[in-house]
All heavy atoms as atom14 arrays in JSON, in Angstrom:
{
  "sequence": "AAESKPTPPKPPKPPAPPSAKTIEAEPETSADAAEFVL",
  "atom14_mask": [
    [1, 1, 1, 1, 1, 0, 0, 0, 0, 0, 0, 0, 0, 0],
    [1, 1, 1, 1, 1, 0, 0, 0, 0, 0, 0, 0, 0, 0],
    [1, 1, 1, 1, 1, 1, 1, 1, 1, 0, 0, 0, 0, 0],
    [1, 1, 1, 1, 1, 1, 0, 0, 0, 0, 0, 0, 0, 0],
    [1, 1, 1, 1, 1, 1, 1, 1, 1, 0, 0, 0, 0, 0],
    [1, 1, 1, 1, 1, 1, 1, 0, 0, 0, 0, 0, 0, 0],
    [1, 1, 1, 1, 1, 1, 1, 0, 0, 0, 0, 0, 0, 0],
    [1, 1, 1, 1, 1, 1, 1, 0, 0, 0, 0, 0, 0, 0],
    [1, 1, 1, 1, 1, 1, 1, 0, 0, 0, 0, 0, 0, 0],
    [1, 1, 1, 1, 1, 1, 1, 1, 1, 0, 0, 0, 0, 0],
    [1, 1, 1, 1, 1, 1, 1, 0, 0, 0, 0, 0, 0, 0],
    [1, 1, 1, 1, 1, 1, 1, 0, 0, 0, 0, 0, 0, 0],
    [1, 1, 1, 1, 1, 1, 1, 1, 1, 0, 0, 0, 0, 0],
    [1, 1, 1, 1, 1, 1, 1, 0, 0, 0, 0, 0, 0, 0],
    [1, 1, 1, 1, 1, 1, 1, 0, 0, 0, 0, 0, 0, 0],
    [1, 1, 1, 1, 1, 0, 0, 0, 0, 0, 0, 0, 0, 0],
    [1, 1, 1, 1, 1, 1, 1, 0, 0, 0, 0, 0, 0, 0],
    [1, 1, 1, 1, 1, 1, 1, 0, 0, 0, 0, 0, 0, 0],
    [1, 1, 1, 1, 1, 1, 0, 0, 0, 0, 0, 0, 0, 0],
    [1, 1, 1, 1, 1, 0, 0, 0, 0, 0, 0, 0, 0, 0],
    [1, 1, 1, 1, 1, 1, 1, 1, 1, 0, 0, 0, 0, 0],
    [1, 1, 1, 1, 1, 1, 1, 0, 0, 0, 0, 0, 0, 0],
    [1, 1, 1, 1, 1, 1, 1, 1, 0, 0, 0, 0, 0, 0],
    [1, 1, 1, 1, 1, 1, 1, 1, 1, 0, 0, 0, 0, 0],
    [1, 1, 1, 1, 1, 0, 0, 0, 0, 0, 0, 0, 0, 0],
    [1, 1, 1, 1, 1, 1, 1, 1, 1, 0, 0, 0, 0, 0],
    [1, 1, 1, 1, 1, 1, 1, 0, 0, 0, 0, 0, 0, 0],
    [1, 1, 1, 1, 1, 1, 1, 1, 1, 0, 0, 0, 0, 0],
    [1, 1, 1, 1, 1, 1, 1, 0, 0, 0, 0, 0, 0, 0],
    [1, 1, 1, 1, 1, 1, 0, 0, 0, 0, 0, 0, 0, 0],
    [1, 1, 1, 1, 1, 0, 0, 0, 0, 0, 0, 0, 0, 0],
    [1, 1, 1, 1, 1, 1, 1, 1, 0, 0, 0, 0, 0, 0],
    [1, 1, 1, 1, 1, 0, 0, 0, 0, 0, 0, 0, 0, 0],
    [1, 1, 1, 1, 1, 0, 0, 0, 0, 0, 0, 0, 0, 0],
    [1, 1, 1, 1, 1, 1, 1, 1, 1, 0, 0, 0, 0, 0],
    [1, 1, 1, 1, 1, 1, 1, 1, 1, 1, 1, 0, 0, 0],
    [1, 1, 1, 1, 1, 1, 1, 0, 0, 0, 0, 0, 0, 0],
    [1, 1, 1, 1, 1, 1, 1, 1, 0, 0, 0, 0, 0, 0]
  ],
  "atom14_positions": [
    [[0.83, -1.22, 0.0], [0.0, 0.0, 0.0], [0.85, 1.25, 0.0], [0.51, 2.26, -0.6], [-0.93, -0.01, 1.21], [0.0, 0.0, 0.0], [0.0, 0.0, 0.0], [0.0, 0.0, 0.0], [0.0, 0.0, 0.0], [0.0, 0.0, 0.0], [0.0, 0.0, 0.0], [0.0, 0.0, 0.0], [0.0, 0.0, 0.0], [0.0, 0.0, 0.0]],
    [[2.01, 1.18, 0.65], [2.88, 2.37, 0.7], [3.43, 2.72, -0.65], [3.77, 3.86, -0.92], [4.03, 2.12, 1.69], [0.0, 0.0, 0.0], [0.0, 0.0, 0.0], [0.0, 0.0, 0.0], [0.0, 0.0, 0.0], [0.0, 0.0, 0.0], [0.0, 0.0, 0.0], [0.0, 0.0, 0.0], [0.0, 0.0, 0.0], [0.0, 0.0, 0.0]],
    [[3.53, 1.71, -1.56], [4.09, 1.97, -2.87], [3.02, 2.42, -3.86], [3.29, 3.15, -4.78], [4.78, 0.71, -3.4], [5.96, 0.28, -2.57], [6.55, -1.02, -3.08], [6.03, -1.54, -4.07], [7.54, -1.49, -2.49], [0.0, 0.0, 0.0], [0.0, 0.0, 0.0], [0.0, 0.0, 0.0], [0.0, 0.0, 0.0], [0.0, 0.0, 0.0]],
    [[1.79, 1.92, -3.66], [0.75, 2.21, -4.63], [-0.01, 3.5, -4.31], [-0.66, 4.05, -5.17], [-0.23, 1.04, -4.68], [-0.82, 0.83, -3.41], [0.0, 0.0, 0.0], [0.0, 0.0, 0.0], [0.0, 0.0, 0.0], [0.0, 0.0, 0.0], [0.0, 0.0, 0.0], [0.0, 0.0, 0.0], [0.0, 0.0, 0.0], [0.0, 0.0, 0.0]],
    [[0.02, 3.95, -3.04], [-0.72, 5.15, -2.68], [0.24, 6.17, -2.07], [1.15, 5.81, -1.33], [-1.82, 4.81, -1.67], [-2.9, 3.91, -2.26], [-4.01, 3.67, -1.27], [-5.1, 2.8, -1.85], [-6.2, 2.55, -0.89], [0.0, 0.0, 0.0], [0.0, 0.0, 0.0], [0.0, 0.0, 0.0], [0.0, 0.0, 0.0], [0.0, 0.0, 0.0]],
    [[0.06, 7.44, -2.39], [0.96, 8.46, -1.84], [0.81, 8.56, -0.32], [-0.29, 8.44, 0.22], [0.5, 9.75, -2.54], [-0.91, 9.46, -2.97], [-0.97, 8.0, -3.28], [0.0, 0.0, 0.0], [0.0, 0.0, 0.0], [0.0, 0.0, 0.0], [0.0, 0.0, 0.0], [0.0, 0.0, 0.0], [0.0, 0.0, 0.0], [0.0, 0.0, 0.0]],
    [[1.9, 8.75, 0.37], [1.87, 8.88, 1.82], [1.55, 10.32, 2.21], [1.9, 11.27, 1.49], [3.26, 8.51, 2.42], [4.24, 9.33, 1.81], [3.57, 7.05, 2.14], [0.0, 0.0, 0.0], [0.0, 0.0, 0.0], [0.0, 0.0, 0.0], [0.0, 0.0, 0.0], [0.0, 0.0, 0.0], [0.0, 0.0, 0.0], [0.0, 0.0, 0.0]],
    [[0.84, 10.5, 3.32], [0.49, 11.87, 3.73], [1.74, 12.64, 4.13], [2.74, 12.05, 4.55], [-0.44, 11.66, 4.93], [-0.08, 10.3, 5.45], [0.32, 9.5, 4.24], [0.0, 0.0, 0.0], [0.0, 0.0, 0.0], [0.0, 0.0, 0.0], [0.0, 0.0, 0.0], [0.0, 0.0, 0.0], [0.0, 0.0, 0.0], [0.0, 0.0, 0.0]],
    [[1.75, 13.96, 4.01], [2.93, 14.76, 4.39], [3.21, 14.68, 5.88], [2.3, 14.52, 6.69], [2.54, 16.18, 3.95], [1.05, 16.17, 3.95], [0.64, 14.79, 3.53], [0.0, 0.0, 0.0], [0.0, 0.0, 0.0], [0.0, 0.0, 0.0], [0.0, 0.0, 0.0], [0.0, 0.0, 0.0], [0.0, 0.0, 0.0], [0.0, 0.0, 0.0]],
    [[4.48, 14.77, 6.23], [4.87, 14.72, 7.64], [4.48, 16.03, 8.33], [4.53, 17.1, 7.73], [6.38, 14.52, 7.75], [6.84, 13.19, 7.18], [8.35, 13.06, 7.33], [8.83, 11.74, 6.76], [10.32, 11.59, 6.88], [0.0, 0.0, 0.0], [0.0, 0.0, 0.0], [0.0, 0.0, 0.0], [0.0, 0.0, 0.0], [0.0, 0.0, 0.0]],
    [[4.07, 15.96, 9.61], [3.72, 17.21, 10.33], [4.96, 18.07, 10.55], [6.08, 17.56, 10.66], [3.16, 16.68, 11.67], [3.76, 15.33, 11.82], [3.9, 14.77, 10.43], [0.0, 0.0, 0.0], [0.0, 0.0, 0.0], [0.0, 0.0, 0.0], [0.0, 0.0, 0.0], [0.0, 0.0, 0.0], [0.0, 0.0, 0.0], [0.0, 0.0, 0.0]],
    [[4.81, 19.38, 10.58], [5.98, 20.27, 10.77], [6.59, 20.11, 12.15], [5.91, 19.76, 13.11], [5.38, 21.67, 10.58], [3.92, 21.5, 10.91], [3.54, 20.13, 10.47], [0.0, 0.0, 0.0], [0.0, 0.0, 0.0], [0.0, 0.0, 0.0], [0.0, 0.0, 0.0], [0.0, 0.0, 0.0], [0.0, 0.0, 0.0], [0.0, 0.0, 0.0]],
    [[7.9, 20.33, 12.24], [8.6, 20.23, 13.52], [8.23, 21.42, 14.4], [8.04, 22.53, 13.91], [10.1, 20.19, 13.3], [10.56, 18.95, 12.54], [12.08, 18.96, 12.38], [12.54, 17.72, 11.64], [14.02, 17.7, 11.45], [0.0, 0.0, 0.0], [0.0, 0.0, 0.0], [0.0, 0.0, 0.0], [0.0, 0.0, 0.0], [0.0, 0.0, 0.0]],
    [[8.14, 21.22, 15.71], [7.83, 22.34, 16.61], [8.97, 23.35, 16.64], [10.13, 22.98, 16.45], [7.65, 21.66, 17.98], [8.42, 20.38, 17.86], [8.3, 19.97, 16.43], [0.0, 0.0, 0.0], [0.0, 0.0, 0.0], [0.0, 0.0, 0.0], [0.0, 0.0, 0.0], [0.0, 0.0, 0.0], [0.0, 0.0, 0.0], [0.0, 0.0, 0.0]],
    [[8.67, 24.63, 16.82], [9.75, 25.64, 16.84], [10.66, 25.46, 18.05], [10.27, 24.93, 19.09], [8.97, 26.96, 16.92], [7.66, 26.6, 17.53], [7.35, 25.21, 17.05], [0.0, 0.0, 0.0], [0.0, 0.0, 0.0], [0.0, 0.0, 0.0], [0.0, 0.0, 0.0], [0.0, 0.0, 0.0], [0.0, 0.0, 0.0], [0.0, 0.0, 0.0]],
    [[11.91, 25.87, 17.9], [12.89, 25.76, 18.99], [12.55, 26.76, 20.1], [11.92, 27.8, 19.86], [14.28, 26.02, 18.46], [0.0, 0.0, 0.0], [0.0, 0.0, 0.0], [0.0, 0.0, 0.0], [0.0, 0.0, 0.0], [0.0, 0.0, 0.0], [0.0, 0.0, 0.0], [0.0, 0.0, 0.0], [0.0, 0.0, 0.0], [0.0, 0.0, 0.0]],
    [[12.96, 26.48, 21.32], [12.71, 27.43, 22.44], [13.34, 28.78, 22.13], [14.38, 28.87, 21.5], [13.38, 26.74, 23.64], [13.47, 25.29, 23.25], [13.62, 25.27, 21.77], [0.0, 0.0, 0.0], [0.0, 0.0, 0.0], [0.0, 0.0, 0.0], [0.0, 0.0, 0.0], [0.0, 0.0, 0.0], [0.0, 0.0, 0.0], [0.0, 0.0, 0.0]],
    [[12.74, 29.87, 22.62], [13.27, 31.23, 22.33], [14.68, 31.44, 22.84], [15.46, 32.16, 22.24], [12.28, 32.16, 23.05], [11.05, 31.34, 23.25], [11.48, 29.92, 23.38], [0.0, 0.0, 0.0], [0.0, 0.0, 0.0], [0.0, 0.0, 0.0], [0.0, 0.0, 0.0], [0.0, 0.0, 0.0], [0.0, 0.0, 0.0], [0.0, 0.0, 0.0]],
    [[15.02, 30.82, 24.0], [16.33, 31.07, 24.57], [17.45, 30.36, 23.84], [18.61, 30.71, 23.98], [16.35, 30.65, 26.05], [16.04, 29.26, 26.14], [0.0, 0.0, 0.0], [0.0, 0.0, 0.0], [0.0, 0.0, 0.0], [0.0, 0.0, 0.0], [0.0, 0.0, 0.0], [0.0, 0.0, 0.0], [0.0, 0.0, 0.0], [0.0, 0.0, 0.0]],
    [[17.11, 29.31, 23.1], [18.14, 28.54, 22.41], [18.46, 29.17, 21.08], [17.6, 29.72, 20.41], [17.68, 27.1, 22.22], [0.0, 0.0, 0.0], [0.0, 0.0, 0.0], [0.0, 0.0, 0.0], [0.0, 0.0, 0.0], [0.0, 0.0, 0.0], [0.0, 0.0, 0.0], [0.0, 0.0, 0.0], [0.0, 0.0, 0.0], [0.0, 0.0, 0.0]],
    [[19.77, 29.11, 20.76], [20.18, 29.62, 19.48], [19.88, 28.58, 18.42], [20.3, 27.43, 18.53], [21.68, 29.94, 19.48], [22.05, 31.08, 20.4], [23.53, 31.38, 20.29], [23.91, 32.55, 21.19], [25.35, 32.86, 21.09], [0.0, 0.0, 0.0], [0.0, 0.0, 0.0], [0.0, 0.0, 0.0], [0.0, 0.0, 0.0], [0.0, 0.0, 0.0]],
    [[19.13, 28.99, 17.49], [18.74, 28.05, 16.44], [19.51, 28.33, 15.18], [19.82, 29.47, 14.87], [17.22, 28.16, 16.16], [16.94, 29.48, 15.75], [16.4, 27.81, 17.4], [0.0, 0.0, 0.0], [0.0, 0.0, 0.0], [0.0, 0.0, 0.0], [0.0, 0.0, 0.0], [0.0, 0.0, 0.0], [0.0, 0.0, 0.0], [0.0, 0.0, 0.0]],
    [[19.84, 27.28, 14.53], [20.5, 27.38, 13.23], [19.46, 27.08, 12.17], [18.72, 26.1, 12.26], [21.67, 26.37, 13.14], [22.68, 26.65, 14.25], [22.32, 26.43, 11.78], [23.81, 25.64, 14.3], [0.0, 0.0, 0.0], [0.0, 0.0, 0.0], [0.0, 0.0, 0.0], [0.0, 0.0, 0.0], [0.0, 0.0, 0.0], [0.0, 0.0, 0.0]],
    [[19.4, 27.96, 11.24], [18.39, 27.8, 10.18], [18.6, 26.47, 9.46], [19.68, 26.2, 8.93], [18.49, 28.94, 9.17], [17.39, 28.89, 8.13], [17.48, 30.08, 7.2], [18.34, 30.96, 7.44], [16.71, 30.11, 6.24], [0.0, 0.0, 0.0], [0.0, 0.0, 0.0], [0.0, 0.0, 0.0], [0.0, 0.0, 0.0], [0.0, 0.0, 0.0]],
    [[17.59, 25.64, 9.52], [17.7, 24.3, 8.92], [17.58, 24.42, 7.4], [16.79, 25.2, 6.88], [16.61, 23.38, 9.46], [0.0, 0.0, 0.0], [0.0, 0.0, 0.0], [0.0, 0.0, 0.0], [0.0, 0.0, 0.0], [0.0, 0.0, 0.0], [0.0, 0.0, 0.0], [0.0, 0.0, 0.0], [0.0, 0.0, 0.0], [0.0, 0.0, 0.0]],
    [[18.41, 23.64, 6.77], [18.34, 23.61, 5.32], [17.11, 22.82, 4.9], [16.7, 21.88, 5.57], [19.59, 22.93, 4.75], [20.86, 23.69, 5.04], [22.05, 22.98, 4.42], [21.84, 21.91, 3.82], [23.17, 23.51, 4.55], [0.0, 0.0, 0.0], [0.0, 0.0, 0.0], [0.0, 0.0, 0.0], [0.0, 0.0, 0.0], [0.0, 0.0, 0.0]],
    [[16.5, 23.22, 3.83], [15.29, 22.49, 3.38], [15.65, 21.05, 3.06], [16.74, 20.74, 2.59], [14.86, 23.25, 2.11], [16.09, 23.98, 1.67], [16.87, 24.31, 2.92], [0.0, 0.0, 0.0], [0.0, 0.0, 0.0], [0.0, 0.0, 0.0], [0.0, 0.0, 0.0], [0.0, 0.0, 0.0], [0.0, 0.0, 0.0], [0.0, 0.0, 0.0]],
    [[14.68, 20.18, 3.36], [14.89, 18.77, 3.1], [15.09, 18.54, 1.61], [14.44, 19.15, 0.78], [13.68, 17.95, 3.59], [13.53, 17.97, 5.1], [12.41, 17.05, 5.53], [11.81, 16.43, 4.63], [12.15, 16.94, 6.73], [0.0, 0.0, 0.0], [0.0, 0.0, 0.0], [0.0, 0.0, 0.0], [0.0, 0.0, 0.0], [0.0, 0.0, 0.0]],
    [[16.02, 17.66, 1.33], [16.25, 17.32, -0.07], [15.13, 16.42, -0.56], [14.31, 15.92, 0.21], [17.6, 16.6, -0.22], [17.56, 15.4, 0.55], [18.73, 17.47, 0.28], [0.0, 0.0, 0.0], [0.0, 0.0, 0.0], [0.0, 0.0, 0.0], [0.0, 0.0, 0.0], [0.0, 0.0, 0.0], [0.0, 0.0, 0.0], [0.0, 0.0, 0.0]],
    [[15.15, 16.21, -1.81], [14.1, 15.39, -2.44], [14.4, 13.92, -2.36], [13.84, 13.13, -3.09], [13.94, 15.78, -3.93], [15.17, 15.59, -4.62], [0.0, 0.0, 0.0], [0.0, 0.0, 0.0], [0.0, 0.0, 0.0], [0.0, 0.0, 0.0], [0.0, 0.0, 0.0], [0.0, 0.0, 0.0], [0.0, 0.0, 0.0], [0.0, 0.0, 0.0]],
    [[15.35, 13.53, -1.45], [15.7, 12.1, -1.35], [14.51, 11.3, -0.86], [14.34, 10.14, -1.22], [16.89, 11.9, -0.42], [0.0, 0.0, 0.0], [0.0, 0.0, 0.0], [0.0, 0.0, 0.0], [0.0, 0.0, 0.0], [0.0, 0.0, 0.0], [0.0, 0.0, 0.0], [0.0, 0.0, 0.0], [0.0, 0.0, 0.0], [0.0, 0.0, 0.0]],
    [[13.71, 11.97, 0.07], [12.56, 11.23, 0.59], [11.47, 11.09, -0.45], [10.64, 10.19, -0.38], [11.99, 11.95, 1.83], [13.0, 11.93, 2.97], [13.86, 11.05, 2.97], [12.91, 12.82, 3.84], [0.0, 0.0, 0.0], [0.0, 0.0, 0.0], [0.0, 0.0, 0.0], [0.0, 0.0, 0.0], [0.0, 0.0, 0.0], [0.0, 0.0, 0.0]],
    [[11.42, 12.04, -1.38], [10.38, 11.97, -2.42], [10.81, 11.01, -3.51], [11.9, 11.09, -4.04], [10.15, 13.36, -3.0], [0.0, 0.0, 0.0], [0.0, 0.0, 0.0], [0.0, 0.0, 0.0], [0.0, 0.0, 0.0], [0.0, 0.0, 0.0], [0.0, 0.0, 0.0], [0.0, 0.0, 0.0], [0.0, 0.0, 0.0], [0.0, 0.0, 0.0]],
    [[9.94, 10.09, -3.8], [10.27, 9.08, -4.81], [10.33, 9.72, -6.19], [9.5, 10.55, -6.55], [9.22, 7.97, -4.8], [0.0, 0.0, 0.0], [0.0, 0.0, 0.0], [0.0, 0.0, 0.0], [0.0, 0.0, 0.0], [0.0, 0.0, 0.0], [0.0, 0.0, 0.0], [0.0, 0.0, 0.0], [0.0, 0.0, 0.0], [0.0, 0.0, 0.0]],
    [[11.38, 9.36, -6.91], [11.52, 9.89, -8.27], [10.48, 9.26, -9.18], [10.24, 8.05, -9.12], [12.92, 9.59, -8.79], [13.17, 10.12, -10.19], [14.55, 9.75, -10.69], [15.28, 9.08, -9.93], [14.87, 10.12, -11.82], [0.0, 0.0, 0.0], [0.0, 0.0, 0.0], [0.0, 0.0, 0.0], [0.0, 0.0, 0.0], [0.0, 0.0, 0.0]],
    [[9.84, 10.07, -9.99], [8.8, 9.55, -10.89], [9.45, 8.75, -12.02], [10.29, 9.26, -12.74], [7.98, 10.7, -11.47], [6.88, 10.23, -12.38], [5.65, 9.84, -11.86], [7.06, 10.17, -13.75], [4.64, 9.4, -12.69], [6.05, 9.73, -14.59], [4.84, 9.34, -14.06], [0.0, 0.0, 0.0], [0.0, 0.0, 0.0], [0.0, 0.0, 0.0]],
    [[9.05, 7.48, -12.13], [9.54, 6.61, -13.19], [8.33, 6.2, -14.03], [7.4, 5.57, -13.52], [10.24, 5.36, -12.62], [10.72, 4.47, -13.77], [11.41, 5.78, -11.74], [0.0, 0.0, 0.0], [0.0, 0.0, 0.0], [0.0, 0.0, 0.0], [0.0, 0.0, 0.0], [0.0, 0.0, 0.0], [0.0, 0.0, 0.0], [0.0, 0.0, 0.0]],
    [[8.35, 6.58, -15.29], [7.19, 6.35, -16.15], [6.82, 4.87, -16.22], [5.66, 4.5, -16.06], [7.47, 6.89, -17.56], [6.39, 6.62, -18.62], [5.08, 7.27, -18.22], [6.84, 7.13, -19.98], [0.0, 0.0, 0.0], [0.0, 0.0, 0.0], [0.0, 0.0, 0.0], [0.0, 0.0, 0.0], [0.0, 0.0, 0.0], [0.0, 0.0, 0.0]]
  ]
}
């Protein structure tokens, strides 16, 4: 079923605490997204 039907998007990560220094996360690469093969 995981191969035949698209999986729902993952929920967004919670924001970091205000006191902690956060490093801007790089956008996720498309490795998780399956490449379309005709």
